[in-house]
Amino acid sequence: MQYRTFGNHDWKPSALGFGSLRLPTRTEADDDLTWFRSGDIEEGLATEMIRTAIDGGVDYVDTGWTYHEGESEPYLGRCLQDGYRDRVKLATKMPTWLIEKAEDFDHYLDRQLERLQTDVIDCYLLHNLNKTTWPTVRDLGALEWGERAIADGRIGCLGFSFHDTLELFKEIVDTYDWTFCQIQYNYMDIEHQAGRAGLHYAAGKGLGVVVMEPLRGGALTRRAPSAIAKLWEEAPVGRTQADWGLQWLWNQPEVSLVLSGMSTMQHVEENLDSADRSRVGSLTDEELRIVDRVREAYRELLVIPCTFCQYCVPCPNGVAIPFLFGFFNEAQMYGTLERSRAHYRAAPERQADRCVGCGKCEEACPQGIEIIRWLKTVHELLSEDAAARQALGVSKPSDQR
């Protein structure tokens, strides 16, 4: 395992961190309608995976209040017994969207300490700071509360995770002497949300920068269209698509660690191998140019910029928003319309036409996607209606770019 710098701080994190959002569940793995954030975690396999990662040098494990329907934290409390808790920095997050009064800060932190069976949470984040949650928790005194929680030993350091504009990101960074932040960043999202500019800004201020969505929720590991596969084949070094995405991140010194939500033992083994080979500045100029070309090729194909983070669900009417967007994008990118339509028909109670336009999903979406508008397009393409039989070639509305 390679170890990296964490901003201006002494701790050296492993290049790879274990994210506990996508743990294996007991639901059939080949069912594309599986809610992999189900609370029914396959604990035997998940524990074997996490402990294998720690034995392989991973020293950062991340979770959150809502992950796996609230079961991720209690599960990790059980998983990290037998001495494993002492071998890692444990990170979890304050559910900022649930905060209504100042007393809620203590309420959630104390519950999380109980659920995780620990006296201290090493790395504590204000979860999903954006234009709505940031003013709320800021004005309720979250930063002052964080100082008190550090002083009384319940948390080791304070950071935040982020989904909004670069301008707001810089404002938040400059407001407090944060230890670290967590941003969405990958070779497709260099200008999205905080992006590369935010990475450099935070690192330049001495923050450790944890990267989430390094492979866009697995989207960058799927079978590549032929045009993109040919680009990868031109590279002087053969790599899997996952390894390309991870090595591109580790190539950059500003990245403190890459957080991967692993769902199988194969993911763990391959990611450990990839992390062992990681180095700052290891990619050649030619390899970086190939990644740039792949990015442009994907941008020509991607229609709905959904990363499958699932902040938009549960929908009050049961619409399976991220899954439906996934079926739509796959049909567009890979030419698999009939396969996507078959998946769509399999669960009529989750189809896009159940949307009533309440807007809750759009308020929660970190990507700023016009979900209601896109759901109508999804239904037109994937439903049994005559319009669904149109040839692929759906044009992207100009305001969706």
Protein backbone atom coordinates (compact mmCIF):
# COMPACT_ATOMS: atom_id res chain seq x y z
CA MET A 1 0.00 0.00 0.00
CA GLN A 2 1.15 3.50 -0.81
CA TYR A 3 0.61 6.29 1.71
CA ARG A 4 0.07 9.94 0.89
CA THR A 5 -0.07 13.37 2.49
CA PHE A 6 -3.17 14.76 4.19
CA GLY A 7 -2.88 18.47 3.60
CA ASN A 8 -0.72 20.15 6.25
CA HIS A 9 -1.36 17.40 8.77
CA ASP A 10 1.02 14.74 10.04
CA TRP A 11 -1.12 11.68 9.32
CA LYS A 12 -0.29 9.69 6.17
CA PRO A 13 -3.46 8.09 4.76
CA SER A 14 -3.51 5.02 2.57
CA ALA A 15 -4.01 5.84 -1.10
CA LEU A 16 -7.22 3.80 -1.00
CA GLY A 17 -10.06 4.32 1.46
CA PHE A 18 -13.02 1.97 1.97
CA GLY A 19 -16.42 3.58 1.43
CA SER A 20 -19.38 1.84 3.07
CA LEU A 21 -22.17 3.08 0.81
CA ARG A 22 -22.14 0.13 -1.61
CA LEU A 23 -21.61 -2.92 0.62
CA PRO A 24 -22.89 -6.28 -0.67
CA THR A 25 -26.50 -7.05 0.23
CA ARG A 26 -28.52 -10.25 0.24
CA THR A 27 -30.52 -9.20 -2.82
CA GLU A 28 -29.65 -10.85 -6.11
CA ALA A 29 -26.58 -9.08 -7.47
CA ASP A 30 -27.62 -9.43 -11.11
CA ASP A 31 -30.90 -7.58 -10.63
CA ASP A 32 -30.44 -4.06 -12.00
CA LEU A 33 -33.39 -2.88 -9.92
CA THR A 34 -31.62 -3.89 -6.70
CA TRP A 35 -31.42 -1.10 -4.15
CA PHE A 36 -27.83 -1.74 -3.22
CA ARG A 37 -28.21 0.67 -0.34
CA SER A 38 -30.62 -1.82 1.23
CA GLY A 39 -30.24 -2.35 4.95
CA ASP A 40 -29.97 -6.10 4.42
CA ILE A 41 -26.16 -6.17 4.32
CA GLU A 42 -24.45 -9.48 3.59
CA GLU A 43 -22.39 -9.15 6.75
CA GLY A 44 -20.18 -12.20 6.37
CA LEU A 45 -18.90 -11.15 2.95
CA ALA A 46 -18.78 -7.45 3.82
CA THR A 47 -16.70 -8.12 6.92
CA GLU A 48 -14.31 -10.33 4.97
CA MET A 49 -13.94 -7.56 2.39
CA ILE A 50 -13.33 -4.75 4.87
CA ARG A 51 -10.89 -6.74 6.96
CA THR A 52 -9.04 -7.89 3.85
CA ALA A 53 -8.71 -4.24 2.82
CA ILE A 54 -7.39 -3.26 6.26
CA ASP A 55 -4.98 -6.20 6.27
CA GLY A 56 -3.85 -4.93 2.87
CA GLY A 57 -2.98 -1.52 4.29
CA VAL A 58 -6.21 0.50 4.05
CA ASP A 59 -6.36 2.78 7.08
CA TYR A 60 -9.47 4.91 6.34
CA VAL A 61 -13.05 3.61 6.50
CA ASP A 62 -15.96 5.92 5.67
CA THR A 63 -19.68 5.68 6.32
CA GLY A 64 -22.70 7.94 6.84
CA TRP A 65 -25.90 8.20 8.87
CA THR A 66 -28.22 7.17 6.01
CA TYR A 67 -26.06 4.60 4.21
CA HIS A 68 -27.78 1.24 3.69
CA GLU A 69 -31.01 2.62 5.14
CA GLY A 70 -29.21 3.55 8.34
CA GLU A 71 -27.60 0.12 8.83
CA SER A 72 -24.08 0.92 7.64
CA GLU A 73 -22.94 2.55 10.88
CA PRO A 74 -24.27 -0.18 13.21
CA TYR A 75 -22.81 -2.82 10.91
CA LEU A 76 -19.37 -1.16 10.95
CA GLY A 77 -19.53 -1.08 14.73
CA ARG A 78 -19.70 -4.88 14.61
CA CYS A 79 -17.27 -5.31 11.73
CA LEU A 80 -14.45 -3.32 13.33
CA GLN A 81 -14.23 -5.49 16.43
CA ASP A 82 -11.28 -7.83 17.09
CA GLY A 83 -8.77 -4.97 17.00
CA TYR A 84 -9.68 -3.62 13.55
CA ARG A 85 -11.09 -0.37 14.94
CA ASP A 86 -7.68 0.62 16.27
CA ARG A 87 -6.08 0.13 12.86
CA VAL A 88 -8.11 2.72 10.95
CA LYS A 89 -9.27 6.28 10.93
CA LEU A 90 -13.04 6.02 11.11
CA ALA A 91 -15.09 8.65 9.27
CA THR A 92 -18.80 9.36 9.34
CA LYS A 93 -21.04 12.33 8.64
CA MET A 94 -23.57 14.60 10.28
CA PRO A 95 -26.85 14.40 8.27
CA THR A 96 -27.10 18.16 7.75
CA TRP A 97 -30.48 18.00 5.98
CA LEU A 98 -32.02 16.63 9.20
CA ILE A 99 -30.68 19.43 11.40
CA GLU A 100 -33.45 21.74 12.63
CA LYS A 101 -32.03 23.11 15.91
CA ALA A 102 -28.64 23.36 17.59
CA GLU A 103 -29.41 20.46 19.94
CA ASP A 104 -29.57 18.14 16.92
CA PHE A 105 -25.79 18.23 16.53
CA ASP A 106 -25.26 16.39 19.81
CA HIS A 107 -28.24 14.14 19.20
CA TYR A 108 -26.87 12.72 15.97
CA LEU A 109 -23.22 12.54 17.03
CA ASP A 110 -24.02 10.71 20.26
CA ARG A 111 -26.22 8.25 18.36
CA GLN A 112 -23.43 7.68 15.84
CA LEU A 113 -20.90 6.98 18.58
CA GLU A 114 -23.27 4.35 19.96
CA ARG A 115 -23.98 2.82 16.56
CA LEU A 116 -20.29 2.63 15.68
CA GLN A 117 -19.38 1.28 19.15
CA THR A 118 -16.58 3.80 19.55
CA ASP A 119 -15.61 6.61 21.90
CA VAL A 120 -14.31 8.86 19.14
CA ILE A 121 -14.96 9.42 15.45
CA ASP A 122 -11.58 10.26 14.00
CA CYS A 123 -12.75 12.19 10.94
CA TYR A 124 -16.17 13.81 11.22
CA LEU A 125 -17.82 15.53 8.26
CA LEU A 126 -20.72 17.88 7.81
CA HIS A 127 -22.47 15.87 5.12
CA ASN A 128 -23.50 17.25 1.74
CA LEU A 129 -22.90 20.95 2.26
CA ASN A 130 -24.68 22.95 -0.41
CA LYS A 131 -26.54 26.24 -0.79
CA THR A 132 -29.37 24.92 1.41
CA THR A 133 -27.64 22.94 4.15
CA TRP A 134 -24.59 25.18 4.63
CA PRO A 135 -26.43 28.35 5.77
CA THR A 136 -28.63 26.26 8.09
CA VAL A 137 -25.86 24.47 9.97
CA ARG A 138 -23.56 27.50 9.88
CA ASP A 139 -26.16 29.76 11.46
CA LEU A 140 -27.03 27.13 14.07
CA GLY A 141 -23.39 27.13 15.21
CA ALA A 142 -22.06 23.92 13.67
CA LEU A 143 -18.48 25.19 13.58
CA GLU A 144 -18.46 26.26 17.22
CA TRP A 145 -20.14 22.99 18.14
CA GLY A 146 -17.45 21.11 16.21
CA GLU A 147 -14.75 22.83 18.23
CA ARG A 148 -16.44 21.70 21.44
CA ALA A 149 -16.78 18.14 20.16
CA ILE A 150 -13.06 18.09 19.35
CA ALA A 151 -12.23 19.51 22.78
CA ASP A 152 -14.30 16.90 24.62
CA GLY A 153 -12.77 14.09 22.58
CA ARG A 154 -15.84 12.85 20.69
CA ILE A 155 -14.36 13.69 17.28
CA GLY A 156 -10.76 13.91 16.15
CA CYS A 157 -11.10 16.53 13.42
CA LEU A 158 -13.78 18.32 11.41
CA GLY A 159 -14.33 18.31 7.67
CA PHE A 160 -17.16 18.49 5.16
CA SER A 161 -18.45 16.77 2.05
CA PHE A 162 -19.66 18.91 -0.80
CA HIS A 163 -22.07 18.96 -3.76
CA ASP A 164 -22.57 22.42 -5.24
CA THR A 165 -20.77 25.20 -7.13
CA LEU A 166 -17.07 26.05 -7.06
CA GLU A 167 -17.90 29.53 -5.76
CA LEU A 168 -19.73 28.13 -2.72
CA PHE A 169 -16.97 25.57 -2.17
CA LYS A 170 -14.36 28.30 -1.88
CA GLU A 171 -16.59 30.26 0.51
CA ILE A 172 -16.92 27.23 2.79
CA VAL A 173 -13.20 26.46 2.66
CA ASP A 174 -12.40 30.04 3.66
CA THR A 175 -14.91 30.16 6.52
CA TYR A 176 -13.14 27.79 8.90
CA ASP A 177 -9.82 26.09 9.56
CA TRP A 178 -11.00 22.71 8.27
CA THR A 179 -8.79 19.65 8.50
CA PHE A 180 -10.17 18.08 5.32
CA CYS A 181 -12.93 18.01 2.74
CA GLN A 182 -14.53 15.39 0.52
CA ILE A 183 -15.38 16.14 -3.11
CA GLN A 184 -16.69 14.36 -6.15
CA TYR A 185 -13.83 14.13 -8.64
CA ASN A 186 -12.89 11.82 -11.49
CA TYR A 187 -11.57 12.16 -15.02
CA MET A 188 -15.06 13.01 -16.27
CA ASP A 189 -15.86 15.59 -13.57
CA ILE A 190 -12.90 17.94 -13.85
CA GLU A 191 -15.15 21.01 -14.12
CA HIS A 192 -18.20 19.73 -12.23
CA GLN A 193 -19.00 20.99 -8.71
CA ALA A 194 -15.68 21.72 -6.95
CA GLY A 195 -13.77 19.97 -9.74
CA ARG A 196 -10.07 20.32 -10.37
CA ALA A 197 -10.08 23.99 -9.41
CA GLY A 198 -11.63 23.13 -6.05
CA LEU A 199 -9.14 20.32 -5.50
CA HIS A 200 -6.24 22.69 -6.00
CA TYR A 201 -7.87 25.44 -3.95
CA ALA A 202 -8.48 23.23 -0.92
CA ALA A 203 -5.07 21.57 -1.12
CA GLY A 204 -3.46 24.99 -1.43
CA LYS A 205 -5.17 26.00 1.82
CA GLY A 206 -3.67 22.98 3.59
CA LEU A 207 -6.75 20.75 3.62
CA GLY A 208 -6.59 17.03 3.09
CA VAL A 209 -8.79 16.20 0.08
CA VAL A 210 -10.73 12.93 0.05
CA VAL A 211 -12.10 11.99 -3.37
CA MET A 212 -15.52 10.33 -3.69
CA GLU A 213 -17.18 9.02 -6.86
CA PRO A 214 -13.75 8.24 -8.39
CA LEU A 215 -15.42 6.06 -11.02
CA ARG A 216 -18.78 7.89 -11.16
CA GLY A 217 -20.61 5.24 -9.18
CA GLY A 218 -19.14 2.50 -11.36
CA ALA A 219 -20.20 4.13 -14.63
CA LEU A 220 -16.56 4.37 -15.75
CA THR A 221 -16.04 0.63 -15.29
CA ARG A 222 -18.86 -0.59 -17.51
CA ARG A 223 -18.21 -2.15 -20.89
CA ALA A 224 -16.95 0.71 -23.01
CA PRO A 225 -18.47 1.57 -26.40
CA SER A 226 -16.24 0.48 -29.26
CA ALA A 227 -14.94 4.00 -29.96
CA ILE A 228 -13.78 4.38 -26.36
CA ALA A 229 -12.43 0.85 -26.14
CA LYS A 230 -10.24 1.60 -29.15
CA LEU A 231 -8.82 4.64 -27.39
CA TRP A 232 -7.86 2.54 -24.35
CA GLU A 233 -6.26 0.00 -26.68
CA GLU A 234 -3.98 2.70 -28.06
CA ALA A 235 -2.39 3.23 -24.66
CA PRO A 236 1.17 1.93 -24.24
CA VAL A 237 0.15 0.26 -20.96
CA GLY A 238 -2.77 -2.15 -20.61
CA ARG A 239 -5.11 -1.36 -17.72
CA THR A 240 -8.68 -2.07 -16.72
CA GLN A 241 -11.03 0.87 -16.95
CA ALA A 242 -11.18 1.01 -13.14
CA ASP A 243 -7.40 1.11 -12.91
CA TRP A 244 -7.23 3.93 -15.45
CA GLY A 245 -9.68 5.98 -13.38
CA LEU A 246 -7.90 5.36 -10.10
CA GLN A 247 -4.38 5.89 -11.42
CA TRP A 248 -5.46 9.17 -13.03
CA LEU A 249 -6.48 10.40 -9.56
CA TRP A 250 -3.43 9.10 -7.72
CA ASN A 251 -1.23 10.74 -10.32
CA GLN A 252 -2.18 14.09 -8.75
CA PRO A 253 -0.37 15.15 -5.53
CA GLU A 254 -3.36 17.19 -4.32
CA VAL A 255 -5.45 14.02 -3.89
CA SER A 256 -5.03 12.75 -0.31
CA LEU A 257 -6.91 9.50 -0.69
CA VAL A 258 -9.42 7.92 -3.04
CA LEU A 259 -12.60 6.57 -1.46
CA SER A 260 -14.01 3.53 -3.22
CA GLY A 261 -17.40 2.00 -2.50
CA MET A 262 -16.56 -1.68 -3.01
CA SER A 263 -19.30 -4.30 -3.42
CA THR A 264 -17.37 -7.52 -4.11
CA MET A 265 -14.15 -9.16 -3.00
CA GLN A 266 -12.91 -8.76 -6.57
CA HIS A 267 -13.26 -4.99 -6.19
CA VAL A 268 -11.19 -5.12 -3.02
CA GLU A 269 -8.44 -7.25 -4.51
CA GLU A 270 -8.19 -5.25 -7.72
CA ASN A 271 -8.25 -1.91 -5.90
CA LEU A 272 -5.58 -3.02 -3.43
CA ASP A 273 -3.37 -4.04 -6.35
CA SER A 274 -4.04 -0.73 -8.07
CA ALA A 275 -3.24 1.23 -4.90
CA ASP A 276 -0.01 -0.70 -4.43
CA ARG A 277 1.12 0.49 -7.87
CA SER A 278 -0.01 4.08 -7.43
CA ARG A 279 2.44 6.96 -7.50
CA VAL A 280 2.23 10.73 -7.90
CA GLY A 281 3.31 11.64 -11.43
CA SER A 282 3.32 8.04 -12.65
CA LEU A 283 1.28 8.63 -15.82
CA THR A 284 3.10 9.80 -18.92
CA ASP A 285 1.99 12.74 -21.04
CA GLU A 286 0.82 10.26 -23.67
CA GLU A 287 -1.32 8.40 -21.14
CA LEU A 288 -2.85 11.64 -19.88
CA ARG A 289 -3.71 12.63 -23.43
CA ILE A 290 -5.52 9.32 -23.91
CA VAL A 291 -7.60 9.98 -20.80
CA ASP A 292 -8.45 13.41 -22.19
CA ARG A 293 -9.59 11.83 -25.45
CA VAL A 294 -11.70 9.27 -23.59
CA ARG A 295 -13.35 12.08 -21.63
CA GLU A 296 -14.33 13.88 -24.79
CA ALA A 297 -15.60 10.68 -26.37
CA TYR A 298 -17.79 9.92 -23.35
CA ARG A 299 -19.14 13.47 -23.34
CA GLU A 300 -20.43 12.87 -26.83
CA LEU A 301 -22.44 9.90 -25.54
CA LEU A 302 -23.62 10.76 -22.02
CA VAL A 303 -27.10 12.22 -21.92
CA ILE A 304 -28.20 12.52 -18.26
CA PRO A 305 -25.28 13.42 -15.92
CA CYS A 306 -26.44 11.14 -13.09
CA THR A 307 -23.73 9.61 -10.85
CA PHE A 308 -26.10 7.23 -9.03
CA CYS A 309 -25.48 8.89 -5.66
CA GLN A 310 -29.20 8.30 -4.89
CA TYR A 311 -29.76 11.49 -2.92
CA CYS A 312 -32.94 11.88 -4.98
CA VAL A 313 -34.56 8.79 -3.45
CA PRO A 314 -36.76 7.59 -1.92
CA CYS A 315 -39.32 9.28 -4.16
CA PRO A 316 -42.72 9.78 -2.43
CA ASN A 317 -44.34 7.97 -5.36
CA GLY A 318 -41.74 5.22 -5.62
CA VAL A 319 -40.05 6.34 -8.84
CA ALA A 320 -36.65 4.62 -9.08
CA ILE A 321 -35.00 7.76 -10.42
CA PRO A 322 -31.28 6.82 -10.57
CA PHE A 323 -32.01 3.36 -11.96
CA LEU A 324 -34.27 4.77 -14.67
CA PHE A 325 -31.63 7.32 -15.62
CA GLY A 326 -29.11 4.50 -15.73
CA PHE A 327 -31.28 2.47 -18.13
CA PHE A 328 -31.74 5.54 -20.32
CA ASN A 329 -28.04 6.41 -20.41
CA GLU A 330 -27.04 2.81 -21.12
CA ALA A 331 -29.44 2.66 -24.02
CA GLN A 332 -28.01 5.86 -25.42
CA MET A 333 -24.36 5.08 -24.78
CA TYR A 334 -24.24 1.37 -25.56
CA GLY A 335 -27.12 0.90 -28.02
CA THR A 336 -29.00 -1.49 -25.69
CA LEU A 337 -32.52 -0.08 -26.04
CA GLU A 338 -34.38 -3.38 -25.83
CA ARG A 339 -32.45 -4.49 -22.75
CA SER A 340 -33.15 -1.17 -21.05
CA ARG A 341 -36.82 -1.36 -22.00
CA ALA A 342 -37.06 -4.87 -20.54
CA HIS A 343 -35.67 -3.65 -17.22
CA TYR A 344 -38.01 -0.67 -17.30
CA ARG A 345 -41.09 -2.85 -17.86
CA ALA A 346 -40.08 -5.19 -15.02
CA ALA A 347 -41.14 -2.76 -12.31
CA PRO A 348 -44.16 -0.67 -13.40
CA GLU A 349 -44.58 0.65 -9.85
CA ARG A 350 -41.23 2.44 -10.19
CA GLN A 351 -41.66 3.88 -13.68
CA ALA A 352 -41.17 7.52 -14.55
CA ASP A 353 -44.84 8.23 -15.28
CA ARG A 354 -45.56 7.95 -11.54
CA CYS A 355 -43.79 11.29 -11.07
CA VAL A 356 -46.22 14.05 -10.00
CA GLY A 357 -43.69 16.87 -10.20
CA CYS A 358 -43.39 17.59 -6.48
CA GLY A 359 -39.75 18.66 -6.96
CA LYS A 360 -38.28 17.03 -3.84
CA CYS A 361 -35.82 15.07 -5.95
CA GLU A 362 -34.55 18.19 -7.71
CA GLU A 363 -33.99 19.93 -4.38
CA ALA A 364 -31.85 16.97 -3.22
CA CYS A 365 -29.93 16.33 -6.46
CA PRO A 366 -26.24 17.27 -6.05
CA GLN A 367 -25.83 17.36 -9.84
CA GLY A 368 -28.52 19.97 -10.41
CA ILE A 369 -30.33 17.71 -12.90
CA GLU A 370 -33.79 18.74 -14.10
CA ILE A 371 -35.14 15.38 -12.96
CA ILE A 372 -38.83 16.00 -13.67
CA ARG A 373 -38.14 16.98 -17.25
CA TRP A 374 -35.84 14.04 -17.84
CA LEU A 375 -38.27 11.53 -16.36
CA LYS A 376 -40.77 12.45 -19.06
CA THR A 377 -38.11 11.80 -21.71
CA VAL A 378 -37.16 8.51 -20.07
CA HIS A 379 -40.76 7.31 -20.17
CA GLU A 380 -41.12 8.32 -23.80
CA LEU A 381 -38.07 6.26 -24.75
CA LEU A 382 -38.45 3.21 -22.53
CA SER A 383 -42.19 2.71 -22.21
CA GLU A 384 -44.47 0.64 -24.47
CA ASP A 385 -45.69 3.80 -26.18
CA ALA A 386 -45.03 4.18 -29.87
CA ALA A 387 -42.65 7.02 -29.07
CA ALA A 388 -40.42 4.50 -27.29
CA ARG A 389 -39.72 2.76 -30.56
CA GLN A 390 -37.84 5.71 -31.97
CA ALA A 391 -34.23 5.14 -32.93
CA LEU A 392 -31.60 6.19 -30.44
CA GLY A 393 -30.31 9.69 -30.94
CA VAL A 394 -32.04 11.64 -28.20
CA SER A 395 -30.69 15.15 -28.29
CA LYS A 396 -29.56 16.77 -25.08
CA PRO A 397 -31.44 20.00 -24.21
CA SER A 398 -29.05 22.91 -24.24
CA ASP A 399 -29.64 23.70 -20.57
CA GLN A 400 -28.73 20.15 -19.56
CA ARG A 401 -25.09 20.29 -20.69
